[in-house]
Amino acid sequence: MSLDLESTKQIGHYRIRSKIGSGGMGDVYLADDTKLDRKVAIKFLNQKFSKDENLLNRFI
């Protein structure tokens, strides 16, 4: 399952600009950090990774 941020555009203090990549672990988005006034990359893990402790530790 992939996260669809096309309609969300804002998560917390991050304003999503565009999707910049995807892979086996999840999707990466370019966003604006509105608190620190800078661009950041945010990775959202696939559900499979977020529910499996070993895979989550691998990501961390």
PDB file of N, CA and C in Angstrom:
ATOM      1  N   MET A   1       0.851  -1.191   0.000  1.00  0.00           N
ATOM      2  CA  MET A   1       0.000   0.000   0.000  1.00  0.00           C
ATOM      3  C   MET A   1       0.883   1.236   0.000  1.00  0.00           C
ATOM      4  N   SER A   2       0.627   2.164  -0.852  1.00  0.00           N
ATOM      5  CA  SER A   2       1.408   3.383  -0.968  1.00  0.00           C
ATOM      6  C   SER A   2       0.603   4.573  -0.455  1.00  0.00           C
ATOM      7  N   LEU A   3       1.273   5.467   0.201  1.00  0.00           N
ATOM      8  CA  LEU A   3       0.619   6.660   0.739  1.00  0.00           C
ATOM      9  C   LEU A   3       0.377   7.646  -0.394  1.00  0.00           C
ATOM     10  N   ASP A   4      -0.846   8.140  -0.528  1.00  0.00           N
ATOM     11  CA  ASP A   4      -1.173   9.109  -1.566  1.00  0.00           C
ATOM     12  C   ASP A   4      -1.210  10.498  -0.949  1.00  0.00           C
ATOM     13  N   LEU A   5      -0.179  11.277  -1.208  1.00  0.00           N
ATOM     14  CA  LEU A   5      -0.114  12.623  -0.635  1.00  0.00           C
ATOM     15  C   LEU A   5      -0.563  13.690  -1.617  1.00  0.00           C
ATOM     16  N   GLU A   6      -1.060  13.282  -2.765  1.00  0.00           N
ATOM     17  CA  GLU A   6      -1.507  14.261  -3.747  1.00  0.00           C
ATOM     18  C   GLU A   6      -2.618  15.146  -3.195  1.00  0.00           C
ATOM     19  N   SER A   7      -3.479  14.579  -2.355  1.00  0.00           N
ATOM     20  CA  SER A   7      -4.586  15.365  -1.824  1.00  0.00           C
ATOM     21  C   SER A   7      -4.284  15.919  -0.436  1.00  0.00           C
ATOM     22  N   THR A   8      -3.281  15.367   0.259  1.00  0.00           N
ATOM     23  CA  THR A   8      -3.000  15.770   1.642  1.00  0.00           C
ATOM     24  C   THR A   8      -2.204  17.072   1.713  1.00  0.00           C
ATOM     25  N   LYS A   9      -1.098  17.146   1.040  1.00  0.00           N
ATOM     26  CA  LYS A   9      -0.226  18.316   0.919  1.00  0.00           C
ATOM     27  C   LYS A   9       0.370  18.849   2.224  1.00  0.00           C
ATOM     28  N   GLN A  10      -0.175  18.546   3.402  1.00  0.00           N
ATOM     29  CA  GLN A  10       0.401  19.042   4.652  1.00  0.00           C
ATOM     30  C   GLN A  10       0.290  17.950   5.714  1.00  0.00           C
ATOM     31  N   ILE A  11       1.418  17.640   6.346  1.00  0.00           N
ATOM     32  CA  ILE A  11       1.441  16.700   7.468  1.00  0.00           C
ATOM     33  C   ILE A  11       2.219  17.378   8.581  1.00  0.00           C
ATOM     34  N   GLY A  12       1.509  17.692   9.648  1.00  0.00           N
ATOM     35  CA  GLY A  12       2.145  18.444  10.733  1.00  0.00           C
ATOM     36  C   GLY A  12       2.644  19.769  10.207  1.00  0.00           C
ATOM     37  N   HIS A  13       3.912  20.068  10.489  1.00  0.00           N
ATOM     38  CA  HIS A  13       4.478  21.331   9.996  1.00  0.00           C
ATOM     39  C   HIS A  13       5.275  21.142   8.707  1.00  0.00           C
ATOM     40  N   TYR A  14       5.053  20.009   8.023  1.00  0.00           N
ATOM     41  CA  TYR A  14       5.700  19.747   6.738  1.00  0.00           C
ATOM     42  C   TYR A  14       4.705  19.936   5.604  1.00  0.00           C
ATOM     43  N   ARG A  15       5.045  20.786   4.650  1.00  0.00           N
ATOM     44  CA  ARG A  15       4.215  21.012   3.466  1.00  0.00           C
ATOM     45  C   ARG A  15       4.827  20.199   2.328  1.00  0.00           C
ATOM     46  N   ILE A  16       4.099  19.198   1.866  1.00  0.00           N
ATOM     47  CA  ILE A  16       4.586  18.300   0.822  1.00  0.00           C
ATOM     48  C   ILE A  16       4.618  19.029  -0.516  1.00  0.00           C
ATOM     49  N   ARG A  17       5.771  18.942  -1.203  1.00  0.00           N
ATOM     50  CA  ARG A  17       5.921  19.583  -2.508  1.00  0.00           C
ATOM     51  C   ARG A  17       5.766  18.573  -3.652  1.00  0.00           C
ATOM     52  N   SER A  18       6.500  17.455  -3.556  1.00  0.00           N
ATOM     53  CA  SER A  18       6.434  16.462  -4.634  1.00  0.00           C
ATOM     54  C   SER A  18       7.054  15.150  -4.192  1.00  0.00           C
ATOM     55  N   LYS A  19       6.683  14.108  -4.908  1.00  0.00           N
ATOM     56  CA  LYS A  19       7.292  12.797  -4.676  1.00  0.00           C
ATOM     57  C   LYS A  19       8.610  12.773  -5.434  1.00  0.00           C
ATOM     58  N   ILE A  20       9.686  12.368  -4.758  1.00  0.00           N
ATOM     59  CA  ILE A  20      10.988  12.374  -5.421  1.00  0.00           C
ATOM     60  C   ILE A  20      11.566  10.977  -5.606  1.00  0.00           C
ATOM     61  N   GLY A  21      10.906   9.969  -5.052  1.00  0.00           N
ATOM     62  CA  GLY A  21      11.405   8.616  -5.252  1.00  0.00           C
ATOM     63  C   GLY A  21      10.578   7.583  -4.521  1.00  0.00           C
ATOM     64  N   SER A  22      10.809   6.333  -4.877  1.00  0.00           N
ATOM     65  CA  SER A  22      10.150   5.230  -4.181  1.00  0.00           C
ATOM     66  C   SER A  22      11.003   3.992  -4.346  1.00  0.00           C
ATOM     67  N   GLY A  23      10.803   3.073  -3.423  1.00  0.00           N
ATOM     68  CA  GLY A  23      11.580   1.846  -3.469  1.00  0.00           C
ATOM     69  C   GLY A  23      10.895   0.775  -2.660  1.00  0.00           C
ATOM     70  N   GLY A  24      11.645  -0.247  -2.312  1.00  0.00           N
ATOM     71  CA  GLY A  24      11.098  -1.369  -1.591  1.00  0.00           C
ATOM     72  C   GLY A  24      10.626  -1.033  -0.195  1.00  0.00           C
ATOM     73  N   MET A  25      11.241  -0.040   0.437  1.00  0.00           N
ATOM     74  CA  MET A  25      10.873   0.299   1.813  1.00  0.00           C
ATOM     75  C   MET A  25       9.771   1.340   1.905  1.00  0.00           C
ATOM     76  N   GLY A  26       9.631   2.182   0.903  1.00  0.00           N
ATOM     77  CA  GLY A  26       8.605   3.217   0.973  1.00  0.00           C
ATOM     78  C   GLY A  26       8.790   4.298  -0.073  1.00  0.00           C
ATOM     79  N   ASP A  27       8.175   5.441   0.174  1.00  0.00           N
ATOM     80  CA  ASP A  27       8.204   6.571  -0.749  1.00  0.00           C
ATOM     81  C   ASP A  27       8.892   7.763  -0.085  1.00  0.00           C
ATOM     82  N   VAL A  28       9.599   8.557  -0.905  1.00  0.00           N
ATOM     83  CA  VAL A  28      10.304   9.738  -0.408  1.00  0.00           C
ATOM     84  C   VAL A  28       9.699  10.976  -1.061  1.00  0.00           C
ATOM     85  N   TYR A  29       9.441  11.980  -0.229  1.00  0.00           N
ATOM     86  CA  TYR A  29       8.837  13.225  -0.692  1.00  0.00           C
ATOM     87  C   TYR A  29       9.717  14.412  -0.338  1.00  0.00           C
ATOM     88  N   LEU A  30       9.725  15.396  -1.221  1.00  0.00           N
ATOM     89  CA  LEU A  30      10.333  16.685  -0.932  1.00  0.00           C
ATOM     90  C   LEU A  30       9.283  17.524  -0.215  1.00  0.00           C
ATOM     91  N   ALA A  31       9.679  18.148   0.891  1.00  0.00           N
ATOM     92  CA  ALA A  31       8.727  18.939   1.669  1.00  0.00           C
ATOM     93  C   ALA A  31       9.400  20.190   2.215  1.00  0.00           C
ATOM     94  N   ASP A  32       8.588  21.151   2.608  1.00  0.00           N
ATOM     95  CA  ASP A  32       9.072  22.345   3.296  1.00  0.00           C
ATOM     96  C   ASP A  32       8.820  22.163   4.780  1.00  0.00           C
ATOM     97  N   ASP A  33       9.857  22.346   5.590  1.00  0.00           N
ATOM     98  CA  ASP A  33       9.702  22.355   7.037  1.00  0.00           C
ATOM     99  C   ASP A  33       9.327  23.788   7.403  1.00  0.00           C
ATOM    100  N   THR A  34       8.078  24.010   7.769  1.00  0.00           N
ATOM    101  CA  THR A  34       7.605  25.379   7.994  1.00  0.00           C
ATOM    102  C   THR A  34       8.094  25.954   9.325  1.00  0.00           C
ATOM    103  N   LYS A  35       8.560  25.113  10.236  1.00  0.00           N
ATOM    104  CA  LYS A  35       9.124  25.616  11.494  1.00  0.00           C
ATOM    105  C   LYS A  35      10.552  26.102  11.314  1.00  0.00           C
ATOM    106  N   LEU A  36      11.344  25.349  10.542  1.00  0.00           N
ATOM    107  CA  LEU A  36      12.756  25.695  10.357  1.00  0.00           C
ATOM    108  C   LEU A  36      13.026  26.430   9.049  1.00  0.00           C
ATOM    109  N   ASP A  37      11.970  26.614   8.238  1.00  0.00           N
ATOM    110  CA  ASP A  37      12.079  27.330   6.963  1.00  0.00           C
ATOM    111  C   ASP A  37      13.175  26.752   6.068  1.00  0.00           C
ATOM    112  N   ARG A  38      13.075  25.449   5.804  1.00  0.00           N
ATOM    113  CA  ARG A  38      14.029  24.798   4.903  1.00  0.00           C
ATOM    114  C   ARG A  38      13.378  23.587   4.239  1.00  0.00           C
ATOM    115  N   LYS A  39      14.024  23.116   3.175  1.00  0.00           N
ATOM    116  CA  LYS A  39      13.537  21.942   2.461  1.00  0.00           C
ATOM    117  C   LYS A  39      14.060  20.686   3.145  1.00  0.00           C
ATOM    118  N   VAL A  40      13.225  19.655   3.170  1.00  0.00           N
ATOM    119  CA  VAL A  40      13.602  18.373   3.764  1.00  0.00           C
ATOM    120  C   VAL A  40      13.098  17.239   2.880  1.00  0.00           C
ATOM    121  N   ALA A  41      13.677  16.066   3.060  1.00  0.00           N
ATOM    122  CA  ALA A  41      13.175  14.844   2.429  1.00  0.00           C
ATOM    123  C   ALA A  41      12.535  14.018   3.525  1.00  0.00           C
ATOM    124  N   ILE A  42      11.345  13.503   3.253  1.00  0.00           N
ATOM    125  CA  ILE A  42      10.617  12.690   4.221  1.00  0.00           C
ATOM    126  C   ILE A  42      10.333  11.331   3.598  1.00  0.00           C
ATOM    127  N   LYS A  43      10.685  10.272   4.336  1.00  0.00           N
ATOM    128  CA  LYS A  43      10.410   8.914   3.857  1.00  0.00           C
ATOM    129  C   LYS A  43       9.241   8.339   4.649  1.00  0.00           C
ATOM    130  N   PHE A  44       8.271   7.819   3.928  1.00  0.00           N
ATOM    131  CA  PHE A  44       7.134   7.128   4.525  1.00  0.00           C
ATOM    132  C   PHE A  44       7.300   5.647   4.240  1.00  0.00           C
ATOM    133  N   LEU A  45       7.365   4.854   5.298  1.00  0.00           N
ATOM    134  CA  LEU A  45       7.547   3.417   5.143  1.00  0.00           C
ATOM    135  C   LEU A  45       6.276   2.748   4.662  1.00  0.00           C
ATOM    136  N   ASN A  46       6.455   1.682   3.869  1.00  0.00           N
ATOM    137  CA  ASN A  46       5.322   0.843   3.495  1.00  0.00           C
ATOM    138  C   ASN A  46       4.766   0.198   4.761  1.00  0.00           C
ATOM    139  N   GLN A  47       3.501  -0.148   4.758  1.00  0.00           N
ATOM    140  CA  GLN A  47       2.867  -0.787   5.913  1.00  0.00           C
ATOM    141  C   GLN A  47       3.627  -2.028   6.353  1.00  0.00           C
ATOM    142  N   LYS A  48       4.119  -2.789   5.400  1.00  0.00           N
ATOM    143  CA  LYS A  48       4.846  -4.022   5.704  1.00  0.00           C
ATOM    144  C   LYS A  48       6.028  -3.738   6.641  1.00  0.00           C
ATOM    145  N   PHE A  49       6.741  -2.649   6.403  1.00  0.00           N
ATOM    146  CA  PHE A  49       7.906  -2.316   7.214  1.00  0.00           C
ATOM    147  C   PHE A  49       7.520  -1.764   8.578  1.00  0.00           C
ATOM    148  N   SER A  50       6.461  -1.006   8.642  1.00  0.00           N
ATOM    149  CA  SER A  50       6.091  -0.373   9.903  1.00  0.00           C
ATOM    150  C   SER A  50       5.506  -1.377  10.903  1.00  0.00           C
ATOM    151  N   LYS A  51       5.090  -2.544  10.425  1.00  0.00           N
ATOM    152  CA  LYS A  51       4.489  -3.547  11.319  1.00  0.00           C
ATOM    153  C   LYS A  51       5.436  -4.697  11.660  1.00  0.00           C
ATOM    154  N   ASP A  52       6.608  -4.741  11.060  1.00  0.00           N
ATOM    155  CA  ASP A  52       7.571  -5.812  11.299  1.00  0.00           C
ATOM    156  C   ASP A  52       8.777  -5.226  12.040  1.00  0.00           C
ATOM    157  N   GLU A  53       8.977  -5.645  13.283  1.00  0.00           N
ATOM    158  CA  GLU A  53      10.026  -5.060  14.126  1.00  0.00           C
ATOM    159  C   GLU A  53      11.420  -5.206  13.518  1.00  0.00           C
ATOM    160  N   ASN A  54      11.727  -6.345  12.928  1.00  0.00           N
ATOM    161  CA  ASN A  54      13.041  -6.536  12.316  1.00  0.00           C
ATOM    162  C   ASN A  54      13.262  -5.599  11.137  1.00  0.00           C
ATOM    163  N   LEU A  55      12.245  -5.454  10.300  1.00  0.00           N
ATOM    164  CA  LEU A  55      12.380  -4.553   9.149  1.00  0.00           C
ATOM    165  C   LEU A  55      12.450  -3.096   9.596  1.00  0.00           C
ATOM    166  N   LEU A  56      11.690  -2.736  10.636  1.00  0.00           N
ATOM    167  CA  LEU A  56      11.728  -1.372  11.160  1.00  0.00           C
ATOM    168  C   LEU A  56      13.105  -1.065  11.744  1.00  0.00           C
ATOM    169  N   ASN A  57      13.704  -2.012  12.463  1.00  0.00           N
ATOM    170  CA  ASN A  57      15.050  -1.815  12.999  1.00  0.00           C
ATOM    171  C   ASN A  57      16.071  -1.675  11.880  1.00  0.00           C
ATOM    172  N   ARG A  58      15.874  -2.394  10.793  1.00  0.00           N
ATOM    173  CA  ARG A  58      16.763  -2.280   9.631  1.00  0.00           C
ATOM    174  C   ARG A  58      16.710  -0.858   9.062  1.00  0.00           C
ATOM    175  N   PHE A  59      15.517  -0.291   9.005  1.00  0.00           N
ATOM    176  CA  PHE A  59      15.366   1.074   8.508  1.00  0.00           C
ATOM    177  C   PHE A  59      16.078   2.062   9.435  1.00  0.00           C
ATOM    178  N   ILE A  60      15.851   1.909  10.734  1.00  0.00           N
ATOM    179  CA  ILE A  60      16.442   2.829  11.713  1.00  0.00           C
ATOM    180  C   ILE A  60      17.946   2.721  11.679  1.00  0.00           C
TER     181      ILE A  60
END
